[in-house]
């Protein structure tokens, strides 16, 4: 559980296209086996401490002739941003993926003192 002190809490949200491989024959569409795509996401302003980040698929364009296998996660989360990561494997074919994300965490306040 993430416990916040008395500091204000900020919520930042966004959406990003991780890839679109159908038109250019990219490996998410034409390949097999383990495949991964990463996209660096920056927050609109830094958080005071590392926030909690949730990533969800908001658009997927997939081939349904094989089982659908997918994972989407936030990795390497810092106060400034994170990596949105999509993974698939085996014979799953993904044409494109768009994700939405939400970050919740402590933000700086005008009354904060910097004594360092």
Protein backbone atom coordinates (compact mmCIF):
# COMPACT_ATOMS: atom_id res chain seq x y z
CA UNK A 1 0.00 0.00 0.00
CA UNK A 2 1.20 3.46 -0.83
CA UNK A 3 0.64 5.84 2.11
CA UNK A 4 0.69 9.59 1.49
CA UNK A 5 1.64 12.09 4.12
CA UNK A 6 0.03 15.54 4.27
CA UNK A 7 1.33 16.59 0.85
CA UNK A 8 -1.00 17.30 -2.04
CA UNK A 9 -1.71 14.38 -4.35
CA UNK A 10 -1.41 14.78 -8.11
CA UNK A 11 -2.98 12.71 -10.87
CA UNK A 12 -1.44 12.78 -14.34
CA UNK A 13 -2.94 10.95 -17.31
CA UNK A 14 -2.10 10.37 -20.93
CA UNK A 15 -2.30 8.13 -23.95
CA UNK A 16 0.37 6.88 -26.34
CA UNK A 17 0.58 4.63 -29.38
CA UNK A 18 3.18 1.95 -28.62
CA UNK A 19 3.39 0.68 -32.19
CA UNK A 20 1.56 0.24 -35.48
CA UNK A 21 3.16 -2.69 -37.31
CA UNK A 22 0.46 -3.74 -39.78
CA UNK A 23 1.26 -1.27 -42.57
CA UNK A 24 5.04 -1.65 -42.42
CA UNK A 25 5.28 -5.41 -41.75
CA UNK A 26 6.84 -4.96 -38.31
CA UNK A 27 7.70 -7.91 -36.09
CA UNK A 28 4.64 -7.58 -33.84
CA UNK A 29 2.55 -8.35 -36.93
CA UNK A 30 4.83 -10.71 -38.85
CA UNK A 31 7.07 -12.23 -36.16
CA UNK A 32 6.75 -15.14 -33.77
CA UNK A 33 8.12 -15.88 -30.34
CA UNK A 34 8.79 -13.39 -27.57
CA UNK A 35 8.47 -9.75 -28.68
CA UNK A 36 8.46 -6.50 -26.73
CA UNK A 37 7.93 -2.79 -27.36
CA UNK A 38 8.76 0.05 -24.96
CA UNK A 39 7.83 3.70 -25.01
CA UNK A 40 9.24 6.31 -22.64
CA UNK A 41 6.53 8.46 -21.05
CA UNK A 42 7.25 11.75 -19.27
CA UNK A 43 4.91 13.23 -16.67
CA UNK A 44 3.67 16.79 -17.19
CA UNK A 45 5.60 17.74 -14.03
CA UNK A 46 7.73 15.74 -11.59
CA UNK A 47 6.11 14.04 -8.62
CA UNK A 48 7.56 14.54 -5.12
CA UNK A 49 8.07 10.79 -4.74
CA UNK A 50 7.71 7.83 -7.12
CA UNK A 51 4.00 7.60 -8.06
CA UNK A 52 1.80 4.58 -8.64
CA UNK A 53 1.25 4.07 -12.39
CA UNK A 54 -1.49 2.03 -14.07
CA UNK A 55 -1.36 1.21 -17.79
CA UNK A 56 -4.36 -0.07 -19.79
CA UNK A 57 -4.84 -0.99 -23.43
CA UNK A 58 -7.15 1.58 -25.01
CA UNK A 59 -6.94 0.28 -28.58
CA UNK A 60 -5.82 -3.03 -29.95
CA UNK A 61 -5.92 -4.26 -33.50
CA UNK A 62 -5.21 -7.99 -33.54
CA UNK A 63 -5.38 -11.08 -35.69
CA UNK A 64 -7.83 -13.54 -34.11
CA UNK A 65 -6.68 -16.66 -35.99
CA UNK A 66 -4.31 -17.53 -33.11
CA UNK A 67 -4.73 -17.19 -29.33
CA UNK A 68 -4.27 -13.65 -28.05
CA UNK A 69 -1.34 -13.37 -25.65
CA UNK A 70 -0.43 -9.97 -24.24
CA UNK A 71 1.00 -8.14 -21.25
CA UNK A 72 1.11 -4.39 -20.70
CA UNK A 73 2.97 -2.90 -17.72
CA UNK A 74 4.68 0.23 -16.40
CA UNK A 75 8.37 -0.34 -15.70
CA UNK A 76 11.25 1.84 -14.47
CA UNK A 77 8.88 4.31 -12.78
CA UNK A 78 10.57 7.48 -11.48
CA UNK A 79 9.32 10.88 -10.33
CA UNK A 80 9.73 12.09 -13.94
CA UNK A 81 8.17 9.26 -15.94
CA UNK A 82 8.17 5.55 -16.80
CA UNK A 83 8.40 3.04 -19.63
CA UNK A 84 5.12 1.69 -21.03
CA UNK A 85 5.90 -1.91 -22.04
CA UNK A 86 3.89 -4.29 -24.23
CA UNK A 87 4.85 -7.95 -24.61
CA UNK A 88 3.48 -10.82 -26.65
CA UNK A 89 4.75 -14.29 -27.53
CA UNK A 90 4.22 -17.43 -29.59
CA UNK A 91 2.21 -16.95 -32.81
CA UNK A 92 0.08 -13.98 -31.63
CA UNK A 93 -0.12 -11.23 -34.27
CA UNK A 94 -0.67 -7.63 -33.14
CA UNK A 95 -1.20 -4.89 -35.72
CA UNK A 96 -1.20 -1.95 -33.29
CA UNK A 97 -1.53 -1.03 -29.64
CA UNK A 98 -2.45 2.24 -27.95
CA UNK A 99 -2.35 2.56 -24.16
CA UNK A 100 -3.77 4.96 -21.60
CA UNK A 101 -1.99 5.55 -18.33
CA UNK A 102 -2.69 7.16 -14.97
CA UNK A 103 -0.09 8.18 -12.39
CA UNK A 104 -1.06 9.06 -8.80
CA UNK A 105 1.38 10.37 -6.23
CA UNK A 106 2.62 13.14 -4.00
CA UNK A 107 3.39 16.48 -5.61
CA UNK A 108 5.36 19.44 -4.33
CA UNK A 109 3.62 22.27 -2.54
CA UNK A 110 4.59 25.95 -2.44
CA UNK A 111 5.06 25.67 1.35
CA UNK A 112 7.62 22.82 1.06
CA UNK A 113 11.04 23.74 2.40
CA UNK A 114 14.21 22.69 0.61
CA UNK A 115 16.81 22.43 3.36
CA UNK A 116 19.38 20.45 1.40
